[in-house]
Amino acid sequence: YIKRVDMRIFNRWGELVFHTVNPDIEWDGRDENSKQIVAEGVYYYLCDIWEPRISGIEVRHEVGFIHVYTGKSDEKFNNE
């Protein structure tokens, strides 16, 4: 059971494209400012996770990459 998260997703220029504190995360691939689907590519995330332990609530820090595939490049090749 996760009590809380603080997740941030950044594009390759370090711009924040998504932020949530909802444990379900529920990112739909849209930039939260423009509301547009993000470009295909690699995104970096930072996520702090608050979890109950025997010793109390502990925070776990996770970092990693999200690869976004939109399928738009496939359409280009299929139409040629």
PDB file of N, CA and C in Angstrom:
ATOM      1  N   TYR A   1       0.839  -1.176   0.000  1.00  0.00           N
ATOM      2  CA  TYR A   1       0.000   0.000   0.000  1.00  0.00           C
ATOM      3  C   TYR A   1       0.883   1.239   0.000  1.00  0.00           C
ATOM      4  N   ILE A   2       0.680   2.086  -0.953  1.00  0.00           N
ATOM      5  CA  ILE A   2       1.460   3.322  -1.077  1.00  0.00           C
ATOM      6  C   ILE A   2       0.624   4.468  -0.525  1.00  0.00           C
ATOM      7  N   LYS A   3       1.204   5.225   0.374  1.00  0.00           N
ATOM      8  CA  LYS A   3       0.497   6.354   0.980  1.00  0.00           C
ATOM      9  C   LYS A   3       0.444   7.558   0.049  1.00  0.00           C
ATOM     10  N   ARG A   4       1.562   7.810  -0.624  1.00  0.00           N
ATOM     11  CA  ARG A   4       1.651   9.013  -1.448  1.00  0.00           C
ATOM     12  C   ARG A   4       2.820   8.864  -2.416  1.00  0.00           C
ATOM     13  N   VAL A   5       2.759   9.573  -3.539  1.00  0.00           N
ATOM     14  CA  VAL A   5       3.894   9.674  -4.458  1.00  0.00           C
ATOM     15  C   VAL A   5       4.093  11.139  -4.826  1.00  0.00           C
ATOM     16  N   ASP A   6       5.257  11.428  -5.303  1.00  0.00           N
ATOM     17  CA  ASP A   6       5.555  12.737  -5.903  1.00  0.00           C
ATOM     18  C   ASP A   6       6.360  12.403  -7.156  1.00  0.00           C
ATOM     19  N   MET A   7       5.665  12.332  -8.304  1.00  0.00           N
ATOM     20  CA  MET A   7       6.306  11.924  -9.545  1.00  0.00           C
ATOM     21  C   MET A   7       6.385  13.085 -10.508  1.00  0.00           C
ATOM     22  N   ARG A   8       7.575  13.235 -11.091  1.00  0.00           N
ATOM     23  CA  ARG A   8       7.817  14.283 -12.080  1.00  0.00           C
ATOM     24  C   ARG A   8       8.446  13.641 -13.310  1.00  0.00           C
ATOM     25  N   ILE A   9       7.924  14.016 -14.492  1.00  0.00           N
ATOM     26  CA  ILE A   9       8.458  13.510 -15.751  1.00  0.00           C
ATOM     27  C   ILE A   9       8.964  14.703 -16.550  1.00  0.00           C
ATOM     28  N   PHE A  10      10.195  14.569 -17.077  1.00  0.00           N
ATOM     29  CA  PHE A  10      10.858  15.655 -17.789  1.00  0.00           C
ATOM     30  C   PHE A  10      11.198  15.225 -19.213  1.00  0.00           C
ATOM     31  N   ASN A  11      11.205  16.192 -20.142  1.00  0.00           N
ATOM     32  CA  ASN A  11      11.652  15.900 -21.495  1.00  0.00           C
ATOM     33  C   ASN A  11      13.183  15.998 -21.562  1.00  0.00           C
ATOM     34  N   ARG A  12      13.753  15.813 -22.721  1.00  0.00           N
ATOM     35  CA  ARG A  12      15.215  15.781 -22.850  1.00  0.00           C
ATOM     36  C   ARG A  12      15.871  17.136 -22.615  1.00  0.00           C
ATOM     37  N   TRP A  13      15.092  18.200 -22.584  1.00  0.00           N
ATOM     38  CA  TRP A  13      15.621  19.535 -22.293  1.00  0.00           C
ATOM     39  C   TRP A  13      15.452  19.899 -20.825  1.00  0.00           C
ATOM     40  N   GLY A  14      14.956  18.948 -20.036  1.00  0.00           N
ATOM     41  CA  GLY A  14      14.774  19.180 -18.608  1.00  0.00           C
ATOM     42  C   GLY A  14      13.506  19.922 -18.250  1.00  0.00           C
ATOM     43  N   GLU A  15      12.594  20.069 -19.203  1.00  0.00           N
ATOM     44  CA  GLU A  15      11.327  20.746 -18.940  1.00  0.00           C
ATOM     45  C   GLU A  15      10.324  19.760 -18.352  1.00  0.00           C
ATOM     46  N   LEU A  16       9.644  20.178 -17.304  1.00  0.00           N
ATOM     47  CA  LEU A  16       8.639  19.334 -16.668  1.00  0.00           C
ATOM     48  C   LEU A  16       7.443  19.174 -17.599  1.00  0.00           C
ATOM     49  N   VAL A  17       7.078  17.923 -17.905  1.00  0.00           N
ATOM     50  CA  VAL A  17       5.911  17.686 -18.756  1.00  0.00           C
ATOM     51  C   VAL A  17       4.746  17.084 -17.969  1.00  0.00           C
ATOM     52  N   PHE A  18       5.038  16.523 -16.770  1.00  0.00           N
ATOM     53  CA  PHE A  18       3.974  15.934 -15.971  1.00  0.00           C
ATOM     54  C   PHE A  18       4.398  15.890 -14.517  1.00  0.00           C
ATOM     55  N   HIS A  19       3.434  16.159 -13.632  1.00  0.00           N
ATOM     56  CA  HIS A  19       3.672  16.069 -12.189  1.00  0.00           C
ATOM     57  C   HIS A  19       2.401  15.559 -11.528  1.00  0.00           C
ATOM     58  N   THR A  20       2.536  14.641 -10.578  1.00  0.00           N
ATOM     59  CA  THR A  20       1.380  14.143  -9.836  1.00  0.00           C
ATOM     60  C   THR A  20       1.794  13.720  -8.432  1.00  0.00           C
ATOM     61  N   VAL A  21       0.826  13.762  -7.535  1.00  0.00           N
ATOM     62  CA  VAL A  21       0.990  13.197  -6.199  1.00  0.00           C
ATOM     63  C   VAL A  21      -0.011  12.058  -5.991  1.00  0.00           C
ATOM     64  N   ASN A  22      -0.722  11.703  -7.047  1.00  0.00           N
ATOM     65  CA  ASN A  22      -1.702  10.616  -7.038  1.00  0.00           C
ATOM     66  C   ASN A  22      -0.965   9.275  -7.115  1.00  0.00           C
ATOM     67  N   PRO A  23      -1.137   8.382  -6.147  1.00  0.00           N
ATOM     68  CA  PRO A  23      -0.447   7.091  -6.189  1.00  0.00           C
ATOM     69  C   PRO A  23      -0.752   6.254  -7.433  1.00  0.00           C
ATOM     70  N   ASP A  24      -1.867   6.520  -8.111  1.00  0.00           N
ATOM     71  CA  ASP A  24      -2.195   5.779  -9.335  1.00  0.00           C
ATOM     72  C   ASP A  24      -1.467   6.340 -10.560  1.00  0.00           C
ATOM     73  N   ILE A  25      -0.798   7.439 -10.437  1.00  0.00           N
ATOM     74  CA  ILE A  25      -0.026   8.162 -11.451  1.00  0.00           C
ATOM     75  C   ILE A  25      -0.883   8.568 -12.646  1.00  0.00           C
ATOM     76  N   GLU A  26      -1.433   7.645 -13.404  1.00  0.00           N
ATOM     77  CA  GLU A  26      -2.384   7.913 -14.486  1.00  0.00           C
ATOM     78  C   GLU A  26      -1.923   8.952 -15.510  1.00  0.00           C
ATOM     79  N   TRP A  27      -0.690   8.874 -15.951  1.00  0.00           N
ATOM     80  CA  TRP A  27      -0.218   9.770 -17.015  1.00  0.00           C
ATOM     81  C   TRP A  27      -0.713   9.250 -18.350  1.00  0.00           C
ATOM     82  N   ASP A  28      -1.363  10.089 -19.127  1.00  0.00           N
ATOM     83  CA  ASP A  28      -1.903   9.677 -20.424  1.00  0.00           C
ATOM     84  C   ASP A  28      -0.994  10.071 -21.584  1.00  0.00           C
ATOM     85  N   GLY A  29       0.236  10.505 -21.289  1.00  0.00           N
ATOM     86  CA  GLY A  29       1.179  10.853 -22.344  1.00  0.00           C
ATOM     87  C   GLY A  29       1.067  12.286 -22.819  1.00  0.00           C
ATOM     88  N   ARG A  30       0.286  13.094 -22.117  1.00  0.00           N
ATOM     89  CA  ARG A  30       0.112  14.500 -22.515  1.00  0.00           C
ATOM     90  C   ARG A  30       0.986  15.416 -21.671  1.00  0.00           C
ATOM     91  N   ASP A  31       1.459  16.477 -22.307  1.00  0.00           N
ATOM     92  CA  ASP A  31       2.158  17.540 -21.593  1.00  0.00           C
ATOM     93  C   ASP A  31       1.105  18.271 -20.769  1.00  0.00           C
ATOM     94  N   GLU A  32       1.345  18.440 -19.471  1.00  0.00           N
ATOM     95  CA  GLU A  32       0.306  19.023 -18.625  1.00  0.00           C
ATOM     96  C   GLU A  32       0.081  20.509 -18.901  1.00  0.00           C
ATOM     97  N   ASN A  33       0.999  21.185 -19.576  1.00  0.00           N
ATOM     98  CA  ASN A  33       0.802  22.597 -19.906  1.00  0.00           C
ATOM     99  C   ASN A  33       0.065  22.770 -21.229  1.00  0.00           C
ATOM    100  N   SER A  34       0.530  22.098 -22.281  1.00  0.00           N
ATOM    101  CA  SER A  34      -0.070  22.267 -23.609  1.00  0.00           C
ATOM    102  C   SER A  34      -1.263  21.340 -23.839  1.00  0.00           C
ATOM    103  N   LYS A  35      -1.389  20.294 -23.037  1.00  0.00           N
ATOM    104  CA  LYS A  35      -2.446  19.271 -23.172  1.00  0.00           C
ATOM    105  C   LYS A  35      -2.304  18.436 -24.447  1.00  0.00           C
ATOM    106  N   GLN A  36      -1.160  18.558 -25.135  1.00  0.00           N
ATOM    107  CA  GLN A  36      -0.889  17.789 -26.349  1.00  0.00           C
ATOM    108  C   GLN A  36      -0.114  16.516 -25.989  1.00  0.00           C
ATOM    109  N   ILE A  37      -0.287  15.469 -26.802  1.00  0.00           N
ATOM    110  CA  ILE A  37       0.512  14.249 -26.625  1.00  0.00           C
ATOM    111  C   ILE A  37       1.973  14.625 -26.811  1.00  0.00           C
ATOM    112  N   VAL A  38       2.840  14.140 -25.920  1.00  0.00           N
ATOM    113  CA  VAL A  38       4.258  14.458 -26.025  1.00  0.00           C
ATOM    114  C   VAL A  38       4.868  13.807 -27.260  1.00  0.00           C
ATOM    115  N   ALA A  39       5.979  14.346 -27.700  1.00  0.00           N
ATOM    116  CA  ALA A  39       6.687  13.800 -28.854  1.00  0.00           C
ATOM    117  C   ALA A  39       7.277  12.436 -28.510  1.00  0.00           C
ATOM    118  N   GLU A  40       7.399  11.621 -29.526  1.00  0.00           N
ATOM    119  CA  GLU A  40       8.040  10.320 -29.360  1.00  0.00           C
ATOM    120  C   GLU A  40       9.465  10.546 -28.882  1.00  0.00           C
ATOM    121  N   GLY A  41       9.909   9.736 -27.942  1.00  0.00           N
ATOM    122  CA  GLY A  41      11.276   9.873 -27.450  1.00  0.00           C
ATOM    123  C   GLY A  41      11.428   9.346 -26.035  1.00  0.00           C
ATOM    124  N   VAL A  42      12.531   9.728 -25.409  1.00  0.00           N
ATOM    125  CA  VAL A  42      12.871   9.260 -24.069  1.00  0.00           C
ATOM    126  C   VAL A  42      12.632  10.389 -23.075  1.00  0.00           C
ATOM    127  N   TYR A  43      11.980  10.049 -21.980  1.00  0.00           N
ATOM    128  CA  TYR A  43      11.670  10.990 -20.907  1.00  0.00           C
ATOM    129  C   TYR A  43      12.270  10.457 -19.612  1.00  0.00           C
ATOM    130  N   TYR A  44      12.669  11.368 -18.741  1.00  0.00           N
ATOM    131  CA  TYR A  44      13.308  11.035 -17.484  1.00  0.00           C
ATOM    132  C   TYR A  44      12.307  11.262 -16.358  1.00  0.00           C
ATOM    133  N   TYR A  45      12.264  10.364 -15.387  1.00  0.00           N
ATOM    134  CA  TYR A  45      11.360  10.585 -14.261  1.00  0.00           C
ATOM    135  C   TYR A  45      12.087  10.503 -12.927  1.00  0.00           C
ATOM    136  N   LEU A  46      11.546  11.252 -11.973  1.00  0.00           N
ATOM    137  CA  LEU A  46      11.942  11.214 -10.567  1.00  0.00           C
ATOM    138  C   LEU A  46      10.675  10.902  -9.791  1.00  0.00           C
ATOM    139  N   CYS A  47      10.750   9.965  -8.879  1.00  0.00           N
ATOM    140  CA  CYS A  47       9.546   9.602  -8.136  1.00  0.00           C
ATOM    141  C   CYS A  47       9.907   9.287  -6.690  1.00  0.00           C
ATOM    142  N   ASP A  48       9.288  10.007  -5.771  1.00  0.00           N
ATOM    143  CA  ASP A  48       9.402   9.708  -4.346  1.00  0.00           C
ATOM    144  C   ASP A  48       8.139   8.974  -3.943  1.00  0.00           C
ATOM    145  N   ILE A  49       8.309   7.873  -3.212  1.00  0.00           N
ATOM    146  CA  ILE A  49       7.196   7.009  -2.854  1.00  0.00           C
ATOM    147  C   ILE A  49       7.178   6.844  -1.335  1.00  0.00           C
ATOM    148  N   TRP A  50       6.058   7.214  -0.719  1.00  0.00           N
ATOM    149  CA  TRP A  50       5.888   7.068   0.720  1.00  0.00           C
ATOM    150  C   TRP A  50       5.190   5.745   0.990  1.00  0.00           C
ATOM    151  N   GLU A  51       5.896   4.840   1.723  1.00  0.00           N
ATOM    152  CA  GLU A  51       5.366   3.503   1.992  1.00  0.00           C
ATOM    153  C   GLU A  51       5.372   3.207   3.489  1.00  0.00           C
ATOM    154  N   PRO A  52       4.309   2.557   3.971  1.00  0.00           N
ATOM    155  CA  PRO A  52       4.309   2.165   5.384  1.00  0.00           C
ATOM    156  C   PRO A  52       5.250   0.979   5.607  1.00  0.00           C
ATOM    157  N   ARG A  53       6.026   1.054   6.650  1.00  0.00           N
ATOM    158  CA  ARG A  53       6.941  -0.021   7.070  1.00  0.00           C
ATOM    159  C   ARG A  53       6.725  -0.274   8.556  1.00  0.00           C
ATOM    160  N   ILE A  54       7.326  -1.293   9.075  1.00  0.00           N
ATOM    161  CA  ILE A  54       7.222  -1.579  10.504  1.00  0.00           C
ATOM    162  C   ILE A  54       7.742  -0.392  11.312  1.00  0.00           C
ATOM    163  N   SER A  55       8.780   0.258  10.802  1.00  0.00           N
ATOM    164  CA  SER A  55       9.380   1.398  11.503  1.00  0.00           C
ATOM    165  C   SER A  55       8.623   2.703  11.284  1.00  0.00           C
ATOM    166  N   GLY A  56       7.586   2.679  10.449  1.00  0.00           N
ATOM    167  CA  GLY A  56       6.813   3.881  10.139  1.00  0.00           C
ATOM    168  C   GLY A  56       6.817   4.140   8.642  1.00  0.00           C
ATOM    169  N   ILE A  57       6.430   5.337   8.251  1.00  0.00           N
ATOM    170  CA  ILE A  57       6.409   5.699   6.827  1.00  0.00           C
ATOM    171  C   ILE A  57       7.832   5.982   6.366  1.00  0.00           C
ATOM    172  N   GLU A  58       8.250   5.318   5.288  1.00  0.00           N
ATOM    173  CA  GLU A  58       9.572   5.547   4.705  1.00  0.00           C
ATOM    174  C   GLU A  58       9.413   6.029   3.268  1.00  0.00           C
ATOM    175  N   VAL A  59      10.360   6.866   2.840  1.00  0.00           N
ATOM    176  CA  VAL A  59      10.332   7.399   1.483  1.00  0.00           C
ATOM    177  C   VAL A  59      11.368   6.658   0.648  1.00  0.00           C
ATOM    178  N   ARG A  60      10.914   6.140  -0.488  1.00  0.00           N
ATOM    179  CA  ARG A  60      11.812   5.472  -1.445  1.00  0.00           C
ATOM    180  C   ARG A  60      11.930   6.387  -2.658  1.00  0.00           C
ATOM    181  N   HIS A  61      13.145   6.566  -3.161  1.00  0.00           N
ATOM    182  CA  HIS A  61      13.398   7.428  -4.310  1.00  0.00           C
ATOM    183  C   HIS A  61      13.682   6.563  -5.535  1.00  0.00           C
ATOM    184  N   GLU A  62      12.933   6.779  -6.589  1.00  0.00           N
ATOM    185  CA  GLU A  62      13.120   6.043  -7.847  1.00  0.00           C
ATOM    186  C   GLU A  62      13.409   7.031  -8.967  1.00  0.00           C
ATOM    187  N   VAL A  63      14.286   6.650  -9.874  1.00  0.00           N
ATOM    188  CA  VAL A  63      14.583   7.436 -11.069  1.00  0.00           C
ATOM    189  C   VAL A  63      14.672   6.479 -12.241  1.00  0.00           C
ATOM    190  N   GLY A  64      14.393   6.984 -13.436  1.00  0.00           N
ATOM    191  CA  GLY A  64      14.492   6.114 -14.600  1.00  0.00           C
ATOM    192  C   GLY A  64      14.045   6.819 -15.859  1.00  0.00           C
ATOM    193  N   PHE A  65      13.835   6.015 -16.886  1.00  0.00           N
ATOM    194  CA  PHE A  65      13.471   6.534 -18.194  1.00  0.00           C
ATOM    195  C   PHE A  65      12.168   5.922 -18.670  1.00  0.00           C
ATOM    196  N   ILE A  66      11.402   6.710 -19.405  1.00  0.00           N
ATOM    197  CA  ILE A  66      10.176   6.249 -20.038  1.00  0.00           C
ATOM    198  C   ILE A  66      10.352   6.454 -21.536  1.00  0.00           C
ATOM    199  N   HIS A  67      10.169   5.412 -22.314  1.00  0.00           N
ATOM    200  CA  HIS A  67      10.252   5.507 -23.763  1.00  0.00           C
ATOM    201  C   HIS A  67       8.834   5.659 -24.313  1.00  0.00           C
ATOM    202  N   VAL A  68       8.577   6.769 -24.997  1.00  0.00           N
ATOM    203  CA  VAL A  68       7.257   7.039 -25.552  1.00  0.00           C
ATOM    204  C   VAL A  68       7.282   6.740 -27.045  1.00  0.00           C
ATOM    205  N   TYR A  69       6.374   5.882 -27.479  1.00  0.00           N
ATOM    206  CA  TYR A  69       6.209   5.553 -28.892  1.00  0.00           C
ATOM    207  C   TYR A  69       4.810   5.997 -29.295  1.00  0.00           C
ATOM    208  N   THR A  70       4.711   6.864 -30.264  1.00  0.00           N
ATOM    209  CA  THR A  70       3.405   7.374 -30.666  1.00  0.00           C
ATOM    210  C   THR A  70       2.822   6.626 -31.853  1.00  0.00           C
ATOM    211  N   GLY A  71       3.650   5.946 -32.609  1.00  0.00           N
ATOM    212  CA  GLY A  71       3.176   5.263 -33.800  1.00  0.00           C
ATOM    213  C   GLY A  71       3.161   6.157 -35.022  1.00  0.00           C
ATOM    214  N   LYS A  72       3.433   7.440 -34.840  1.00  0.00           N
ATOM    215  CA  LYS A  72       3.421   8.372 -35.973  1.00  0.00           C
ATOM    216  C   LYS A  72       4.504   8.041 -36.984  1.00  0.00           C
ATOM    217  N   SER A  73       5.665   7.601 -36.529  1.00  0.00           N
ATOM    218  CA  SER A  73       6.729   7.265 -37.474  1.00  0.00           C
ATOM    219  C   SER A  73       6.362   6.029 -38.291  1.00  0.00           C
ATOM    220  N   ASP A  74       5.597   5.093 -37.703  1.00  0.00           N
ATOM    221  CA  ASP A  74       5.142   3.923 -38.439  1.00  0.00           C
ATOM    222  C   ASP A  74       4.205   4.321 -39.573  1.00  0.00           C
ATOM    223  N   GLU A  75       3.324   5.298 -39.311  1.00  0.00           N
ATOM    224  CA  GLU A  75       2.401   5.755 -40.344  1.00  0.00           C
ATOM    225  C   GLU A  75       3.158   6.319 -41.528  1.00  0.00           C
ATOM    226  N   LYS A  76       4.236   7.027 -41.271  1.00  0.00           N
ATOM    227  CA  LYS A  76       5.029   7.616 -42.340  1.00  0.00           C
ATOM    228  C   LYS A  76       5.576   6.527 -43.251  1.00  0.00           C
ATOM    229  N   PHE A  77       6.102   5.456 -42.664  1.00  0.00           N
ATOM    230  CA  PHE A  77       6.682   4.398 -43.470  1.00  0.00           C
ATOM    231  C   PHE A  77       5.601   3.580 -44.185  1.00  0.00           C
ATOM    232  N   ASN A  78       4.446   3.432 -43.571  1.00  0.00           N
ATOM    233  CA  ASN A  78       3.364   2.671 -44.193  1.00  0.00           C
ATOM    234  C   ASN A  78       2.766   3.397 -45.399  1.00  0.00           C
ATOM    235  N   ASN A  79       2.869   4.725 -45.419  1.00  0.00           N
ATOM    236  CA  ASN A  79       2.285   5.495 -46.520  1.00  0.00           C
ATOM    237  C   ASN A  79       3.254   5.683 -47.680  1.00  0.00           C
ATOM    238  N   GLU A  80       4.481   5.279 -47.551  1.00  0.00           N
ATOM    239  CA  GLU A  80       5.468   5.463 -48.642  1.00  0.00           C
ATOM    240  C   GLU A  80       5.409   4.337 -49.634  1.00  0.00           C
TER     241      GLU A  80
END
